[in-house]
Every structure is written in structure tokens, then in C-alpha cells.
N, C-alpha and C. Protein backbone atom coordinates (compact mmCIF):
# COMPACT_ATOMS: atom_id res chain seq x y z
N MET A 1 34.80 41.73 255.48
CA MET A 1 34.52 42.81 256.39
C MET A 1 35.11 44.10 255.83
N SER A 2 34.35 45.16 255.88
CA SER A 2 34.78 46.44 255.34
C SER A 2 35.09 47.41 256.48
N GLU A 3 36.19 48.11 256.38
CA GLU A 3 36.62 49.07 257.38
C GLU A 3 36.58 50.47 256.78
N THR A 4 36.25 51.48 257.60
CA THR A 4 36.30 52.86 257.12
C THR A 4 37.72 53.38 257.30
N PHE A 5 38.06 54.42 256.53
CA PHE A 5 39.43 54.93 256.57
C PHE A 5 39.49 56.42 256.25
N THR A 6 40.62 57.00 256.68
CA THR A 6 41.09 58.25 256.12
C THR A 6 42.23 57.82 255.20
N LEU A 7 42.71 58.70 254.35
CA LEU A 7 43.79 58.33 253.44
C LEU A 7 45.01 57.83 254.22
N SER A 8 45.36 58.51 255.28
CA SER A 8 46.52 58.11 256.07
C SER A 8 46.35 56.69 256.61
N GLN A 9 45.16 56.37 257.10
CA GLN A 9 44.91 55.02 257.60
C GLN A 9 44.97 53.98 256.48
N LEU A 10 44.43 54.32 255.32
CA LEU A 10 44.47 53.41 254.18
C LEU A 10 45.92 53.13 253.78
N LEU A 11 46.75 54.15 253.77
CA LEU A 11 48.15 53.96 253.39
C LEU A 11 48.90 53.14 254.43
N ASP A 12 48.52 53.27 255.70
CA ASP A 12 49.12 52.42 256.73
C ASP A 12 48.75 50.96 256.50
N VAL A 13 47.48 50.70 256.15
CA VAL A 13 47.04 49.34 255.86
C VAL A 13 47.79 48.80 254.65
N LEU A 14 47.92 49.61 253.60
CA LEU A 14 48.63 49.20 252.40
C LEU A 14 50.09 48.88 252.72
N GLN A 15 50.74 49.74 253.51
CA GLN A 15 52.13 49.52 253.92
C GLN A 15 52.27 48.20 254.68
N ASP A 16 51.32 47.92 255.56
CA ASP A 16 51.34 46.68 256.33
C ASP A 16 51.21 45.46 255.41
N LEU A 17 50.30 45.54 254.44
CA LEU A 17 50.13 44.43 253.49
C LEU A 17 51.41 44.20 252.68
N ILE A 18 52.05 45.29 252.30
CA ILE A 18 53.30 45.19 251.54
C ILE A 18 54.40 44.55 252.39
N GLN A 19 54.54 45.03 253.63
CA GLN A 19 55.58 44.49 254.52
C GLN A 19 55.36 43.00 254.80
N LYS A 20 54.10 42.59 254.86
CA LYS A 20 53.78 41.18 255.10
C LYS A 20 53.79 40.36 253.81
N GLN A 21 54.16 41.00 252.70
CA GLN A 21 54.25 40.37 251.38
C GLN A 21 52.96 39.64 251.01
N GLN A 22 51.85 40.31 251.23
CA GLN A 22 50.53 39.75 250.92
C GLN A 22 50.26 39.80 249.41
N SER A 23 49.40 38.91 248.98
CA SER A 23 48.89 38.90 247.61
C SER A 23 47.37 38.97 247.68
N GLY A 24 46.77 39.67 246.74
CA GLY A 24 45.32 39.80 246.68
C GLY A 24 44.94 41.19 246.21
N SER A 25 43.72 41.60 246.52
CA SER A 25 43.22 42.91 246.08
C SER A 25 42.72 43.71 247.27
N LEU A 26 43.13 44.97 247.33
CA LEU A 26 42.64 45.92 248.32
C LEU A 26 41.56 46.73 247.61
N PHE A 27 40.31 46.49 247.98
CA PHE A 27 39.18 47.18 247.36
C PHE A 27 38.90 48.45 248.13
N ILE A 28 38.69 49.55 247.42
CA ILE A 28 38.47 50.86 248.03
C ILE A 28 37.15 51.43 247.49
N THR A 29 36.36 52.01 248.38
CA THR A 29 35.16 52.73 247.97
C THR A 29 35.19 54.09 248.65
N SER A 30 35.12 55.17 247.87
CA SER A 30 35.15 56.51 248.44
C SER A 30 33.79 56.87 249.02
N GLU A 31 33.76 57.97 249.78
CA GLU A 31 32.49 58.45 250.35
C GLU A 31 31.45 58.74 249.27
N ASP A 32 31.92 59.19 248.11
CA ASP A 32 30.98 59.52 247.03
C ASP A 32 30.71 58.35 246.09
N GLY A 33 31.11 57.13 246.51
CA GLY A 33 30.73 55.94 245.77
C GLY A 33 31.67 55.50 244.66
N HIS A 34 32.82 56.15 244.50
CA HIS A 34 33.78 55.69 243.50
C HIS A 34 34.50 54.46 244.03
N PHE A 35 34.85 53.58 243.10
CA PHE A 35 35.42 52.29 243.46
C PHE A 35 36.81 52.15 242.86
N GLY A 36 37.70 51.48 243.60
CA GLY A 36 39.04 51.23 243.08
C GLY A 36 39.64 49.98 243.68
N THR A 37 40.75 49.55 243.12
CA THR A 37 41.48 48.42 243.66
C THR A 37 42.98 48.66 243.52
N LEU A 38 43.70 48.10 244.46
CA LEU A 38 45.15 48.02 244.39
C LEU A 38 45.47 46.54 244.42
N GLY A 39 46.07 46.02 243.35
CA GLY A 39 46.41 44.61 243.27
C GLY A 39 47.80 44.36 243.80
N LEU A 40 47.94 43.39 244.67
CA LEU A 40 49.23 43.05 245.26
C LEU A 40 49.64 41.63 244.89
N ASP A 41 50.91 41.45 244.64
CA ASP A 41 51.47 40.13 244.39
C ASP A 41 52.76 40.02 245.20
N ALA A 42 52.74 39.20 246.22
CA ALA A 42 53.89 39.01 247.11
C ALA A 42 54.44 40.35 247.63
N GLY A 43 53.52 41.23 248.02
CA GLY A 43 53.91 42.51 248.61
C GLY A 43 54.29 43.59 247.62
N GLU A 44 54.11 43.36 246.36
CA GLU A 44 54.39 44.37 245.33
C GLU A 44 53.07 44.83 244.71
N ILE A 45 52.94 46.13 244.50
CA ILE A 45 51.75 46.65 243.83
C ILE A 45 51.91 46.38 242.34
N VAL A 46 50.99 45.59 241.79
CA VAL A 46 51.10 45.20 240.39
C VAL A 46 49.98 45.78 239.52
N SER A 47 48.92 46.29 240.16
CA SER A 47 47.85 46.91 239.38
C SER A 47 47.13 47.94 240.25
N VAL A 48 46.65 48.99 239.57
CA VAL A 48 45.95 50.08 240.24
C VAL A 48 44.77 50.48 239.36
N MET A 49 43.61 50.64 239.98
CA MET A 49 42.43 51.10 239.26
C MET A 49 41.62 51.95 240.22
N TYR A 50 41.13 53.07 239.72
CA TYR A 50 40.23 53.89 240.52
C TYR A 50 39.30 54.64 239.57
N ALA A 51 38.01 54.50 239.79
CA ALA A 51 36.99 55.07 238.90
C ALA A 51 37.32 54.61 237.48
N PRO A 52 37.36 55.51 236.48
CA PRO A 52 37.64 54.99 235.14
C PRO A 52 39.13 54.89 234.83
N LYS A 53 39.99 55.30 235.74
CA LYS A 53 41.43 55.35 235.46
C LYS A 53 42.12 54.07 235.89
N ARG A 54 43.18 53.74 235.15
CA ARG A 54 43.99 52.56 235.46
C ARG A 54 45.46 52.96 235.45
N GLY A 55 46.25 52.19 236.18
CA GLY A 55 47.69 52.41 236.18
C GLY A 55 48.07 53.74 236.81
N VAL A 56 49.09 54.36 236.24
CA VAL A 56 49.63 55.62 236.76
C VAL A 56 48.55 56.69 236.87
N ALA A 57 47.63 56.73 235.92
CA ALA A 57 46.58 57.76 235.92
C ALA A 57 45.64 57.64 237.12
N ALA A 58 45.55 56.48 237.75
CA ALA A 58 44.66 56.30 238.91
C ALA A 58 45.29 56.77 240.22
N LEU A 59 46.61 56.85 240.26
CA LEU A 59 47.29 57.17 241.52
C LEU A 59 46.86 58.50 242.14
N PRO A 60 46.79 59.60 241.40
CA PRO A 60 46.41 60.86 242.04
C PRO A 60 44.97 60.86 242.53
N LEU A 61 44.13 60.08 241.90
CA LEU A 61 42.74 60.00 242.36
C LEU A 61 42.69 59.34 243.73
N ILE A 62 43.49 58.30 243.91
CA ILE A 62 43.56 57.65 245.21
C ILE A 62 44.22 58.59 246.23
N ALA A 63 45.26 59.30 245.80
CA ALA A 63 45.94 60.24 246.70
C ALA A 63 45.01 61.36 247.16
N GLY A 64 43.98 61.64 246.38
CA GLY A 64 43.04 62.70 246.73
C GLY A 64 41.89 62.27 247.61
N LEU A 65 41.83 60.98 247.97
CA LEU A 65 40.74 60.49 248.80
C LEU A 65 40.80 61.10 250.20
N GLN A 66 39.64 61.39 250.76
CA GLN A 66 39.56 61.87 252.13
C GLN A 66 39.12 60.76 253.07
N ARG A 67 38.01 60.12 252.73
CA ARG A 67 37.44 59.06 253.54
C ARG A 67 36.77 58.02 252.64
N GLY A 68 36.54 56.87 253.21
CA GLY A 68 35.84 55.83 252.48
C GLY A 68 35.91 54.53 253.24
N SER A 69 35.77 53.44 252.52
CA SER A 69 35.88 52.13 253.16
C SER A 69 36.80 51.25 252.31
N TYR A 70 37.35 50.23 252.93
CA TYR A 70 38.22 49.32 252.22
C TYR A 70 37.98 47.90 252.70
N ARG A 71 38.43 46.98 251.86
CA ARG A 71 38.36 45.56 252.20
C ARG A 71 39.50 44.88 251.45
N PHE A 72 40.28 44.08 252.15
CA PHE A 72 41.34 43.31 251.51
C PHE A 72 40.87 41.87 251.35
N ASP A 73 41.03 41.35 250.14
CA ASP A 73 40.64 39.97 249.86
C ASP A 73 41.85 39.23 249.30
N PRO A 74 42.46 38.37 250.12
CA PRO A 74 43.63 37.63 249.64
C PRO A 74 43.30 36.61 248.56
N ALA A 75 42.03 36.26 248.43
CA ALA A 75 41.63 35.29 247.42
C ALA A 75 41.35 35.94 246.07
N ALA A 76 41.19 37.27 246.07
CA ALA A 76 40.89 37.98 244.83
C ALA A 76 42.14 38.11 243.98
N VAL A 77 41.98 37.87 242.71
CA VAL A 77 43.09 38.00 241.77
C VAL A 77 43.55 39.46 241.78
N ALA A 78 44.85 39.68 241.80
CA ALA A 78 45.41 41.01 241.92
C ALA A 78 45.20 41.88 240.68
N GLY A 79 44.68 41.35 239.62
CA GLY A 79 44.51 42.11 238.39
C GLY A 79 45.67 41.88 237.46
N ARG A 80 45.44 42.19 236.19
CA ARG A 80 46.49 42.01 235.19
C ARG A 80 47.63 42.97 235.51
N PRO A 81 48.87 42.49 235.58
CA PRO A 81 49.99 43.37 235.90
C PRO A 81 50.08 44.55 234.91
N GLN A 82 50.39 45.71 235.46
CA GLN A 82 50.50 46.93 234.67
C GLN A 82 51.92 47.46 234.77
N GLU A 83 52.29 48.30 233.83
CA GLU A 83 53.57 48.99 233.90
C GLU A 83 53.40 50.12 234.89
N LEU A 84 54.02 49.97 236.06
CA LEU A 84 53.88 50.94 237.13
C LEU A 84 55.25 51.32 237.67
N PRO A 85 55.31 52.45 238.37
CA PRO A 85 56.53 52.75 239.12
C PRO A 85 56.72 51.65 240.19
N THR A 86 57.84 51.69 240.87
CA THR A 86 58.06 50.70 241.92
C THR A 86 57.03 50.89 243.04
N THR A 87 56.85 49.86 243.83
CA THR A 87 55.91 49.93 244.95
C THR A 87 56.29 51.07 245.88
N GLN A 88 57.57 51.23 246.17
CA GLN A 88 58.02 52.32 247.06
C GLN A 88 57.69 53.68 246.46
N GLN A 89 57.91 53.85 245.15
CA GLN A 89 57.59 55.12 244.50
C GLN A 89 56.09 55.39 244.55
N ILE A 90 55.28 54.35 244.38
CA ILE A 90 53.83 54.52 244.46
C ILE A 90 53.43 54.98 245.85
N LEU A 91 53.99 54.35 246.89
CA LEU A 91 53.68 54.75 248.26
C LEU A 91 54.08 56.20 248.52
N GLU A 92 55.27 56.59 248.05
CA GLU A 92 55.73 57.97 248.24
C GLU A 92 54.79 58.95 247.55
N MET A 93 54.36 58.62 246.34
CA MET A 93 53.45 59.50 245.61
C MET A 93 52.11 59.61 246.33
N LEU A 94 51.60 58.50 246.82
CA LEU A 94 50.32 58.52 247.51
C LEU A 94 50.41 59.29 248.83
N ARG A 95 51.54 59.17 249.52
CA ARG A 95 51.70 59.88 250.80
C ARG A 95 51.89 61.38 250.58
N SER A 96 52.55 61.78 249.50
CA SER A 96 52.83 63.20 249.28
C SER A 96 51.78 63.87 248.39
N GLY A 97 50.95 63.08 247.71
CA GLY A 97 49.94 63.64 246.81
C GLY A 97 48.91 64.44 247.57
N SER A 98 48.35 65.43 246.87
CA SER A 98 47.29 66.21 247.49
C SER A 98 46.28 66.56 246.42
N PRO A 99 45.00 66.68 246.79
CA PRO A 99 43.98 67.02 245.81
C PRO A 99 44.29 68.32 245.08
N ALA A 100 44.93 69.26 245.75
CA ALA A 100 45.24 70.54 245.12
C ALA A 100 46.22 70.37 243.97
N GLY A 101 47.03 69.29 244.02
CA GLY A 101 48.02 69.08 242.98
C GLY A 101 47.47 68.34 241.77
N VAL A 102 46.22 67.94 241.81
CA VAL A 102 45.64 67.17 240.72
C VAL A 102 45.11 68.10 239.66
N VAL A 103 45.51 67.85 238.43
CA VAL A 103 45.00 68.60 237.30
C VAL A 103 43.67 67.98 236.93
N THR A 104 42.66 68.78 236.72
CA THR A 104 41.33 68.25 236.42
C THR A 104 41.39 67.27 235.27
N GLY A 105 40.84 66.08 235.51
CA GLY A 105 40.79 65.05 234.48
C GLY A 105 42.12 64.39 234.20
N ALA A 106 43.13 64.68 234.99
CA ALA A 106 44.44 64.14 234.69
C ALA A 106 45.02 63.40 235.89
N VAL A 107 46.29 63.61 236.09
CA VAL A 107 47.00 62.91 237.14
C VAL A 107 47.45 63.88 238.20
N ALA A 108 48.34 63.47 239.06
CA ALA A 108 48.73 64.26 240.23
C ALA A 108 49.87 65.21 239.97
N ALA A 109 50.20 65.93 241.03
CA ALA A 109 51.34 66.82 240.98
C ALA A 109 52.57 66.01 240.60
N PRO A 110 53.43 66.55 239.74
CA PRO A 110 54.59 65.81 239.30
C PRO A 110 55.56 65.59 240.45
N THR A 111 56.27 64.47 240.39
CA THR A 111 57.30 64.25 241.38
C THR A 111 58.54 65.06 241.03
N ARG A 112 58.64 65.48 239.77
CA ARG A 112 59.74 66.34 239.32
C ARG A 112 59.38 66.90 237.96
N GLY A 113 60.05 67.97 237.55
CA GLY A 113 59.85 68.49 236.20
C GLY A 113 60.59 67.61 235.20
N ILE A 114 60.30 67.80 233.94
CA ILE A 114 61.02 67.07 232.91
C ILE A 114 61.70 68.07 231.98
N SER A 115 62.81 67.65 231.42
CA SER A 115 63.57 68.52 230.54
C SER A 115 62.91 68.64 229.17
N GLU A 116 63.36 69.59 228.40
CA GLU A 116 62.86 69.76 227.04
C GLU A 116 63.15 68.50 226.21
N THR A 117 64.31 67.90 226.42
CA THR A 117 64.67 66.67 225.70
C THR A 117 63.71 65.54 226.05
N GLU A 118 63.40 65.39 227.36
CA GLU A 118 62.47 64.36 227.79
C GLU A 118 61.06 64.63 227.24
N LYS A 119 60.68 65.90 227.22
CA LYS A 119 59.37 66.27 226.67
C LYS A 119 59.31 65.87 225.20
N ASN A 120 60.35 66.21 224.44
CA ASN A 120 60.38 65.87 223.02
C ASN A 120 60.33 64.36 222.81
N PHE A 121 61.08 63.63 223.65
CA PHE A 121 61.05 62.17 223.56
C PHE A 121 59.63 61.66 223.81
N ALA A 122 59.02 62.14 224.90
CA ALA A 122 57.67 61.67 225.25
C ALA A 122 56.67 62.01 224.16
N CYS A 123 56.72 63.24 223.66
CA CYS A 123 55.77 63.65 222.62
C CYS A 123 55.97 62.86 221.33
N ASN A 124 57.22 62.64 220.95
CA ASN A 124 57.49 61.84 219.75
C ASN A 124 57.02 60.40 219.94
N ARG A 125 57.24 59.85 221.13
CA ARG A 125 56.80 58.48 221.40
C ARG A 125 55.27 58.39 221.38
N LEU A 126 54.60 59.38 221.98
CA LEU A 126 53.13 59.39 221.96
C LEU A 126 52.62 59.50 220.53
N LYS A 127 53.29 60.32 219.73
CA LYS A 127 52.88 60.48 218.33
C LYS A 127 53.06 59.17 217.57
N GLU A 128 54.17 58.45 217.82
CA GLU A 128 54.40 57.15 217.18
C GLU A 128 53.30 56.16 217.56
N LEU A 129 52.99 56.13 218.86
CA LEU A 129 51.95 55.21 219.35
C LEU A 129 50.60 55.56 218.74
N LEU A 130 50.30 56.85 218.66
CA LEU A 130 49.03 57.30 218.10
C LEU A 130 48.95 56.96 216.61
N ALA A 131 50.06 57.09 215.90
CA ALA A 131 50.09 56.80 214.47
C ALA A 131 49.78 55.33 214.19
N GLN A 132 50.10 54.46 215.14
CA GLN A 132 49.78 53.04 214.96
C GLN A 132 48.27 52.82 214.88
N HIS A 133 47.50 53.76 215.43
CA HIS A 133 46.04 53.60 215.47
C HIS A 133 45.30 54.57 214.54
N LEU A 134 45.92 55.73 214.28
CA LEU A 134 45.25 56.74 213.45
C LEU A 134 45.90 56.96 212.09
N GLY A 135 47.11 56.46 211.92
CA GLY A 135 47.81 56.69 210.67
C GLY A 135 48.40 58.09 210.62
N PRO A 136 48.59 58.65 209.43
CA PRO A 136 49.29 59.93 209.27
C PRO A 136 48.57 61.13 209.93
N ILE A 137 47.29 61.02 210.17
CA ILE A 137 46.57 62.12 210.81
C ILE A 137 47.03 62.33 212.26
N ALA A 138 47.77 61.37 212.80
CA ALA A 138 48.26 61.46 214.18
C ALA A 138 49.06 62.74 214.41
N ASP A 139 49.82 63.19 213.41
CA ASP A 139 50.60 64.43 213.56
C ASP A 139 49.69 65.62 213.86
N ILE A 140 48.61 65.73 213.13
CA ILE A 140 47.68 66.86 213.31
C ILE A 140 46.97 66.74 214.65
N VAL A 141 46.50 65.55 214.98
CA VAL A 141 45.80 65.33 216.25
C VAL A 141 46.74 65.66 217.41
N MET A 142 47.99 65.22 217.31
CA MET A 142 48.97 65.46 218.38
C MET A 142 49.25 66.95 218.52
N ASP A 143 49.45 67.64 217.42
CA ASP A 143 49.72 69.08 217.48
C ASP A 143 48.57 69.85 218.12
N ASP A 144 47.34 69.50 217.76
CA ASP A 144 46.17 70.14 218.36
C ASP A 144 46.10 69.86 219.86
N ALA A 145 46.37 68.62 220.24
CA ALA A 145 46.31 68.25 221.66
C ALA A 145 47.39 68.96 222.46
N LEU A 146 48.58 69.11 221.87
CA LEU A 146 49.67 69.80 222.57
C LEU A 146 49.36 71.27 222.79
N GLU A 147 48.67 71.89 221.84
CA GLU A 147 48.27 73.29 222.03
C GLU A 147 47.39 73.44 223.26
N ASP A 148 46.50 72.48 223.48
CA ASP A 148 45.60 72.52 224.63
C ASP A 148 46.29 72.12 225.93
N ALA A 149 47.35 71.33 225.85
CA ALA A 149 47.99 70.77 227.05
C ALA A 149 48.82 71.78 227.82
N GLY A 150 49.27 72.84 227.19
CA GLY A 150 50.13 73.79 227.88
C GLY A 150 51.55 73.26 227.95
N ASP A 151 52.32 73.79 228.89
CA ASP A 151 53.73 73.43 229.01
C ASP A 151 53.89 72.19 229.87
N ILE A 152 53.99 71.04 229.22
CA ILE A 152 54.13 69.81 229.99
C ILE A 152 55.53 69.67 230.58
N CYS A 153 56.48 70.53 230.17
CA CYS A 153 57.78 70.54 230.83
C CYS A 153 57.64 71.10 232.24
N ALA A 154 56.85 72.15 232.37
CA ALA A 154 56.65 72.76 233.67
C ALA A 154 55.74 71.92 234.55
N ASN A 155 54.85 71.17 233.92
CA ASN A 155 53.89 70.38 234.68
C ASN A 155 53.63 69.04 233.99
N PRO A 156 54.54 68.07 234.18
CA PRO A 156 54.36 66.78 233.52
C PRO A 156 53.12 66.02 233.99
N ALA A 157 52.49 66.48 235.06
CA ALA A 157 51.25 65.84 235.50
C ALA A 157 50.15 66.00 234.46
N GLN A 158 50.33 66.92 233.52
CA GLN A 158 49.36 67.11 232.45
C GLN A 158 49.47 66.03 231.38
N MET A 159 50.54 65.26 231.40
CA MET A 159 50.74 64.25 230.36
C MET A 159 49.61 63.21 230.33
N PRO A 160 49.15 62.70 231.48
CA PRO A 160 48.04 61.74 231.41
C PRO A 160 46.76 62.35 230.82
N ALA A 161 46.52 63.64 231.08
CA ALA A 161 45.35 64.29 230.47
C ALA A 161 45.54 64.34 228.95
N LEU A 162 46.76 64.57 228.52
CA LEU A 162 47.07 64.56 227.10
C LEU A 162 46.81 63.17 226.52
N VAL A 163 47.23 62.14 227.23
CA VAL A 163 47.00 60.77 226.78
C VAL A 163 45.50 60.49 226.67
N ASP A 164 44.73 60.94 227.66
CA ASP A 164 43.28 60.74 227.61
C ASP A 164 42.68 61.42 226.39
N LYS A 165 43.13 62.63 226.12
CA LYS A 165 42.62 63.37 224.96
C LYS A 165 42.97 62.65 223.66
N LEU A 166 44.19 62.14 223.57
CA LEU A 166 44.61 61.43 222.37
C LEU A 166 43.85 60.11 222.22
N ALA A 167 43.68 59.39 223.31
CA ALA A 167 42.97 58.11 223.27
C ALA A 167 41.52 58.29 222.84
N ALA A 168 40.94 59.42 223.18
CA ALA A 168 39.55 59.69 222.80
C ALA A 168 39.39 59.80 221.29
N GLU A 169 40.47 60.05 220.58
CA GLU A 169 40.44 60.15 219.12
C GLU A 169 40.44 58.79 218.44
N ILE A 170 40.70 57.74 219.20
CA ILE A 170 40.76 56.38 218.65
C ILE A 170 39.37 55.75 218.79
N ASP A 171 38.80 55.33 217.67
CA ASP A 171 37.43 54.81 217.67
C ASP A 171 37.27 53.49 218.43
N SER A 172 38.20 52.59 218.27
CA SER A 172 38.10 51.27 218.89
C SER A 172 38.50 51.36 220.36
N GLU A 173 37.62 50.88 221.24
CA GLU A 173 37.91 50.90 222.68
C GLU A 173 39.14 50.05 223.01
N SER A 174 39.25 48.90 222.35
CA SER A 174 40.40 48.04 222.64
C SER A 174 41.70 48.68 222.17
N GLU A 175 41.66 49.35 221.02
CA GLU A 175 42.87 50.04 220.54
C GLU A 175 43.19 51.24 221.42
N ALA A 176 42.17 51.94 221.89
CA ALA A 176 42.38 53.08 222.79
C ALA A 176 43.03 52.59 224.08
N ALA A 177 42.58 51.44 224.59
CA ALA A 177 43.17 50.87 225.81
C ALA A 177 44.62 50.47 225.57
N GLU A 178 44.88 49.90 224.41
CA GLU A 178 46.25 49.51 224.05
C GLU A 178 47.15 50.75 223.99
N PHE A 179 46.64 51.82 223.38
CA PHE A 179 47.39 53.08 223.30
C PHE A 179 47.66 53.61 224.71
N ARG A 180 46.63 53.63 225.55
CA ARG A 180 46.79 54.15 226.92
C ARG A 180 47.87 53.37 227.69
N ALA A 181 47.83 52.06 227.59
CA ALA A 181 48.80 51.23 228.31
C ALA A 181 50.23 51.54 227.87
N ALA A 182 50.45 51.65 226.58
CA ALA A 182 51.80 51.96 226.08
C ALA A 182 52.20 53.38 226.46
N ALA A 183 51.26 54.30 226.41
CA ALA A 183 51.54 55.70 226.77
C ALA A 183 51.85 55.84 228.26
N GLU A 184 51.10 55.12 229.11
CA GLU A 184 51.35 55.18 230.55
C GLU A 184 52.75 54.65 230.87
N LYS A 185 53.19 53.66 230.13
CA LYS A 185 54.53 53.12 230.33
C LYS A 185 55.58 54.20 230.03
N THR A 186 55.38 54.94 228.95
CA THR A 186 56.29 56.02 228.58
C THR A 186 56.31 57.09 229.66
N ILE A 187 55.14 57.48 230.15
CA ILE A 187 55.04 58.52 231.17
C ILE A 187 55.67 58.07 232.47
N ALA A 188 55.41 56.85 232.87
CA ALA A 188 55.97 56.34 234.13
C ALA A 188 57.49 56.38 234.11
N LYS A 189 58.09 56.08 232.98
CA LYS A 189 59.54 56.11 232.88
C LYS A 189 60.08 57.51 233.09
N LEU A 190 59.34 58.54 232.68
CA LEU A 190 59.81 59.91 232.82
C LEU A 190 59.49 60.51 234.18
N VAL A 191 58.24 60.41 234.59
CA VAL A 191 57.78 61.12 235.78
C VAL A 191 58.21 60.43 237.06
N PHE A 192 58.30 59.10 237.08
CA PHE A 192 58.57 58.38 238.31
C PHE A 192 59.94 57.73 238.35
N ARG A 193 60.85 58.15 237.50
CA ARG A 193 62.15 57.47 237.50
C ARG A 193 63.03 57.92 238.64
């Protein structure tokens, strides 16, 4: 059975499933036909997908929903576990997120700024990850992408857009997915800690 929702109602349903320590998948369909899932395992959010985004990058898209329908299926596999912030941090981000805070093609408004040291760490880590797939050209690709990204210290929400841009440079879809997963883990440690 599918129920219609506003974002607030959807988050209340999600909170209830978490409190009851449910396992399964919460399927979401927006008014404009985009599809997503939130995977739960014993009341913990273990996977997130919305439209083409997965993990941390999908959260602001869900936070920007106005209306749609949902269905919870306890028999559905929750999805492959992802590196995510804690369930409580995810709920806080979804409750405080707003469409106005979403950077086009990227993620949501940052929960906090990051220091220059954290920025350098993140950029160096992304460059290392990219080099595993592109080799020495990763330095040039990274520098070009950073020029387009703007000041990610002032707006770390731009980091997922940077990751998307870098992943697009990797020819193999499976390698691009591997890069994204490792990069999302790095970003989650900084933005949601």
C-alpha cells in the first residue's frame, strides 16, 4: 500500500520506523516521478538512494522533496550498506535541509564549514583516490575541477559536485562507482562529524 506524504510526514514515518527498530526498505516516489529508497537494518539507516545519487549525495535531494508517495516493505533487502553519517545525523540533516540550500547537481547546505586544513586533507585524499583510476593525470584533472568548484571551505556542500565532476573523468562505470564510494566516505567524515 502506498501513502502520500509531505516531507514532514515522511520524516515522521521514518522516525517511527527507526524507533521501532524496523528492517527493510522505505520506497519514495516524488510528484515528478523520481524514485528513491532508504534502507533500514534494525532501526539504523544503512543505505540511501534517490534518483541517480547514492549515499551522502542523495540526502539533500530527499530533503528537498515537497510531496510524493511512499511504501515501506519489511521484506525488501535494505540495500548494500554504505558509509553514511549516523542515523540521527541523517535525520537532523533531512529535517533542517531546504531546497534553497542545495547546490545545483550537488548536495545540501553544509552542516558546518570546514577549515583550510580539512579542505587540504579532503582535496589530497580525493586526488589520491582519483590517481588510483587515472594515474598521474589526476593532478591536472583535480586542479581544473577545483578551479570550477569555488571555495569549498566556505561551502563544503560543493564537495559532492566536485566528486561527481571527478568521477565523470573515469571511463569505467565500476571504477567511477568505486571512486564515488571512497570519496563519499571522506566527505561524510568532514561534513557530518
